[in-house]
């Protein structure tokens, strides 16, 4: 099972990808992580990428495709791959089709976590964590049982991510729409796109994704 997981920052892609890795043995493939790993490992394509990056240039589609091909040849992807952040253009989408076909594989689904922008801004800007143990909280949905005291470790220190503000969230949403707009029609024409309610709770989003992957949606 090979899928593309789409959704803006804060939609819960990382959470769902981790769940799929644990429960189904799939592997999340992020282009950034793969590039860094290939450079570190000194693979043929990694060496090309390193030279390009050291020259301050953008890594070409050919190099990215080569790195994805190398990664797909590693045995741990046999149970399935979750593509995150790639493809972002129709040319990359066509390249991914070829990479999979060369290995006797295919893309099964493009799963998009659909969110309401205003609700997502509320979800992200209200979140904070315990500075000591990392327990997550929210101004509106999950406050500590005792004000100012972590439920888990009793610490009185909390922190917020500096980029968890409305302006940054809306900018990231706009970037996401710009990057996904080119590939959705390509995959819709192939009948591969499925949507889930990214605003539902984590377990419900997981159930919706499972129904798609099990062919029961």
Protein backbone atom coordinates (compact mmCIF):
# COMPACT_ATOMS: atom_id res chain seq x y z
CA UNK A 1 0.00 0.00 0.00
CA UNK A 2 1.55 3.28 -1.14
CA UNK A 3 -0.20 6.55 -0.34
CA UNK A 4 0.31 10.30 -0.40
CA UNK A 5 -0.84 12.02 2.78
CA UNK A 6 -1.90 15.63 2.23
CA UNK A 7 -2.87 18.25 4.77
CA UNK A 8 -1.70 21.64 6.02
CA UNK A 9 0.54 22.04 9.07
CA UNK A 10 -1.49 21.27 12.17
CA UNK A 11 -3.95 18.96 10.38
CA UNK A 12 -2.49 15.90 12.10
CA UNK A 13 -0.54 14.30 9.23
CA UNK A 14 2.43 13.43 11.45
CA UNK A 15 0.21 11.79 14.05
CA UNK A 16 -1.59 9.67 11.45
CA UNK A 17 1.63 8.75 9.65
CA UNK A 18 3.15 7.54 12.93
CA UNK A 19 0.03 5.47 13.60
CA UNK A 20 0.20 3.87 10.16
CA UNK A 21 3.88 3.06 10.69
CA UNK A 22 3.12 1.38 14.02
CA UNK A 23 -0.06 -0.44 13.05
CA UNK A 24 0.59 -1.31 9.40
CA UNK A 25 4.36 -1.35 9.10
CA UNK A 26 4.32 1.42 6.49
CA UNK A 27 7.22 3.89 6.27
CA UNK A 28 6.83 7.67 6.16
CA UNK A 29 9.00 9.14 3.42
CA UNK A 30 9.70 12.84 3.84
CA UNK A 31 11.84 14.36 1.08
CA UNK A 32 13.80 16.51 3.54
CA UNK A 33 14.65 13.54 5.75
CA UNK A 34 15.56 11.39 2.72
CA UNK A 35 17.85 14.08 1.31
CA UNK A 36 19.71 14.44 4.61
CA UNK A 37 20.00 10.66 5.01
CA UNK A 38 21.28 10.18 1.44
CA UNK A 39 23.88 12.94 1.86
CA UNK A 40 25.02 11.46 5.18
CA UNK A 41 25.19 7.94 3.74
CA UNK A 42 27.13 9.13 0.70
CA UNK A 43 24.89 7.37 -1.82
CA UNK A 44 25.52 8.23 -5.50
CA UNK A 45 22.50 10.54 -5.62
CA UNK A 46 23.29 11.86 -2.14
CA UNK A 47 26.73 12.98 -3.34
CA UNK A 48 25.11 14.82 -6.26
CA UNK A 49 22.66 16.49 -3.87
CA UNK A 50 25.47 17.50 -1.52
CA UNK A 51 27.38 19.22 -4.33
CA UNK A 52 24.27 21.12 -5.44
CA UNK A 53 23.37 22.21 -1.89
CA UNK A 54 26.94 23.29 -1.11
CA UNK A 55 26.78 25.47 -4.23
CA UNK A 56 23.69 27.12 -2.76
CA UNK A 57 21.41 25.81 -5.50
CA UNK A 58 18.04 24.05 -5.34
CA UNK A 59 18.07 20.27 -5.67
CA UNK A 60 16.56 19.29 -9.03
CA UNK A 61 13.60 16.98 -9.57
CA UNK A 62 15.97 14.41 -11.08
CA UNK A 63 18.05 14.26 -7.90
CA UNK A 64 14.97 14.07 -5.67
CA UNK A 65 13.59 11.26 -7.85
CA UNK A 66 16.91 9.43 -7.60
CA UNK A 67 16.87 9.68 -3.81
CA UNK A 68 13.28 8.43 -3.62
CA UNK A 69 14.21 5.54 -5.91
CA UNK A 70 17.15 4.61 -3.68
CA UNK A 71 14.90 4.79 -0.62
CA UNK A 72 12.21 2.61 -2.20
CA UNK A 73 14.85 -0.05 -2.87
CA UNK A 74 15.45 -0.45 0.86
CA UNK A 75 13.51 -3.44 2.17
CA UNK A 76 11.70 -1.62 4.95
CA UNK A 77 9.34 0.03 2.44
CA UNK A 78 7.96 -3.31 1.22
CA UNK A 79 4.95 -3.02 3.55
CA UNK A 80 4.08 0.35 2.05
CA UNK A 81 5.17 3.96 1.87
CA UNK A 82 3.58 7.22 3.00
CA UNK A 83 4.78 10.14 0.86
CA UNK A 84 4.89 13.44 2.72
CA UNK A 85 5.84 16.71 1.00
CA UNK A 86 6.28 15.05 -2.39
CA UNK A 87 5.10 15.30 -5.11
CA UNK A 88 4.28 19.00 -5.36
CA UNK A 89 4.04 19.41 -9.14
CA UNK A 90 2.52 17.34 -11.93
CA UNK A 91 6.01 16.58 -13.26
CA UNK A 92 6.97 15.15 -9.86
CA UNK A 93 3.69 13.20 -9.73
CA UNK A 94 4.44 11.63 -13.12
CA UNK A 95 7.98 10.86 -11.96
CA UNK A 96 6.66 9.12 -8.83
CA UNK A 97 4.34 6.99 -10.97
CA UNK A 98 7.36 5.88 -13.01
CA UNK A 99 9.52 5.18 -9.93
CA UNK A 100 6.82 2.97 -8.45
CA UNK A 101 6.05 1.21 -11.75
CA UNK A 102 9.74 0.38 -12.24
CA UNK A 103 9.55 -1.51 -8.95
CA UNK A 104 6.27 -3.26 -9.69
CA UNK A 105 4.37 -0.95 -7.36
CA UNK A 106 1.70 1.71 -7.72
CA UNK A 107 0.15 4.59 -5.82
CA UNK A 108 -3.04 3.38 -4.14
CA UNK A 109 -4.56 6.54 -2.66
CA UNK A 110 -4.05 10.25 -2.16
CA UNK A 111 -5.57 10.93 1.26
CA UNK A 112 -6.28 14.57 2.05
CA UNK A 113 -7.02 15.74 5.61
CA UNK A 114 -9.54 18.51 4.98
CA UNK A 115 -9.64 21.25 7.60
CA UNK A 116 -11.53 24.44 8.32
CA UNK A 117 -8.99 27.28 8.29
CA UNK A 118 -10.54 29.31 11.10
CA UNK A 119 -10.95 26.22 13.27
CA UNK A 120 -7.37 25.17 12.55
CA UNK A 121 -6.09 28.61 13.57
CA UNK A 122 -8.02 28.22 16.84
CA UNK A 123 -6.63 24.70 17.34
CA UNK A 124 -3.01 25.71 16.79
CA UNK A 125 -2.86 29.13 18.46
CA UNK A 126 -4.41 27.79 21.67
CA UNK A 127 -2.00 24.94 22.26
CA UNK A 128 0.76 24.89 24.85
CA UNK A 129 2.86 22.24 26.59
CA UNK A 130 4.39 21.50 29.96
CA UNK A 131 7.98 22.74 29.81
CA UNK A 132 9.14 19.76 31.90
CA UNK A 133 7.36 16.65 30.59
CA UNK A 134 5.88 17.86 27.30
CA UNK A 135 2.22 17.10 28.14
CA UNK A 136 -0.01 18.99 25.70
CA UNK A 137 -2.76 21.42 26.65
CA UNK A 138 -5.09 23.91 24.97
CA UNK A 139 -6.60 27.22 26.08
CA UNK A 140 -10.07 26.15 25.01
CA UNK A 141 -10.15 22.35 24.89
CA UNK A 142 -7.77 20.99 27.50
CA UNK A 143 -6.70 23.14 30.43
CA UNK A 144 -4.81 21.65 33.40
CA UNK A 145 -7.20 20.32 36.07
CA UNK A 146 -5.53 22.68 38.56
CA UNK A 147 -4.72 26.05 37.02
CA UNK A 148 -1.00 26.50 36.45
CA UNK A 149 -0.09 22.92 37.42
CA UNK A 150 0.70 20.11 34.97
CA UNK A 151 -1.64 17.12 35.42
CA UNK A 152 1.18 14.67 34.73
CA UNK A 153 4.30 15.91 36.54
CA UNK A 154 3.10 18.81 38.70
CA UNK A 155 5.38 21.37 37.07
CA UNK A 156 4.29 25.00 37.00
CA UNK A 157 6.18 25.93 33.82
CA UNK A 158 4.51 25.91 30.41
CA UNK A 159 5.62 26.97 26.95
CA UNK A 160 4.20 27.81 23.53
CA UNK A 161 5.84 27.48 20.13
CA UNK A 162 6.70 30.96 18.82
CA UNK A 163 5.26 30.14 15.39
CA UNK A 164 1.89 29.08 16.82
CA UNK A 165 0.26 32.40 16.00
CA UNK A 166 -2.61 33.26 13.66
CA UNK A 167 -0.52 35.09 11.04
CA UNK A 168 1.98 32.24 10.70
CA UNK A 169 -0.75 29.60 10.56
CA UNK A 170 -2.63 31.43 7.79
CA UNK A 171 0.62 31.89 5.83
CA UNK A 172 1.32 28.15 6.10
CA UNK A 173 -2.25 27.40 4.94
CA UNK A 174 -1.75 29.60 1.87
CA UNK A 175 1.56 27.88 1.09
CA UNK A 176 -0.11 24.49 1.42
CA UNK A 177 -2.91 25.41 -0.98
CA UNK A 178 -0.40 26.74 -3.51
CA UNK A 179 1.68 23.55 -3.33
CA UNK A 180 -1.18 21.05 -3.47
CA UNK A 181 -3.31 22.81 -6.07
CA UNK A 182 -1.19 21.58 -9.01
CA UNK A 183 -1.32 17.88 -8.12
CA UNK A 184 -4.91 17.36 -6.97
CA UNK A 185 -6.46 17.54 -10.49
CA UNK A 186 -3.83 15.06 -11.75
CA UNK A 187 -4.78 12.50 -9.11
CA UNK A 188 -8.50 13.28 -9.20
CA UNK A 189 -8.44 12.35 -12.90
CA UNK A 190 -7.02 8.97 -11.88
CA UNK A 191 -9.72 8.51 -9.23
CA UNK A 192 -7.16 8.24 -6.40
CA UNK A 193 -8.15 11.17 -4.16
CA UNK A 194 -10.01 10.48 -0.93
CA UNK A 195 -10.82 13.04 1.77
CA UNK A 196 -11.16 12.68 5.51
CA UNK A 197 -12.39 15.16 8.11
CA UNK A 198 -9.17 16.53 9.54
CA UNK A 199 -11.12 18.42 12.20
CA UNK A 200 -12.43 15.21 13.81
CA UNK A 201 -10.65 13.78 16.84
CA UNK A 202 -7.49 11.77 16.27
CA UNK A 203 -9.12 8.34 16.62
CA UNK A 204 -11.95 9.22 14.24
CA UNK A 205 -9.49 10.52 11.61
CA UNK A 206 -7.60 7.24 12.01
CA UNK A 207 -10.81 5.23 11.50
CA UNK A 208 -11.62 7.18 8.34
CA UNK A 209 -8.13 6.56 6.93
CA UNK A 210 -8.31 2.85 7.83
CA UNK A 211 -11.64 2.56 6.03
CA UNK A 212 -10.07 4.02 2.89
CA UNK A 213 -6.99 1.79 3.02
CA UNK A 214 -9.12 -1.29 3.69
CA UNK A 215 -11.31 -0.45 0.70
CA UNK A 216 -14.39 -0.01 2.89
CA UNK A 217 -15.04 3.68 2.43
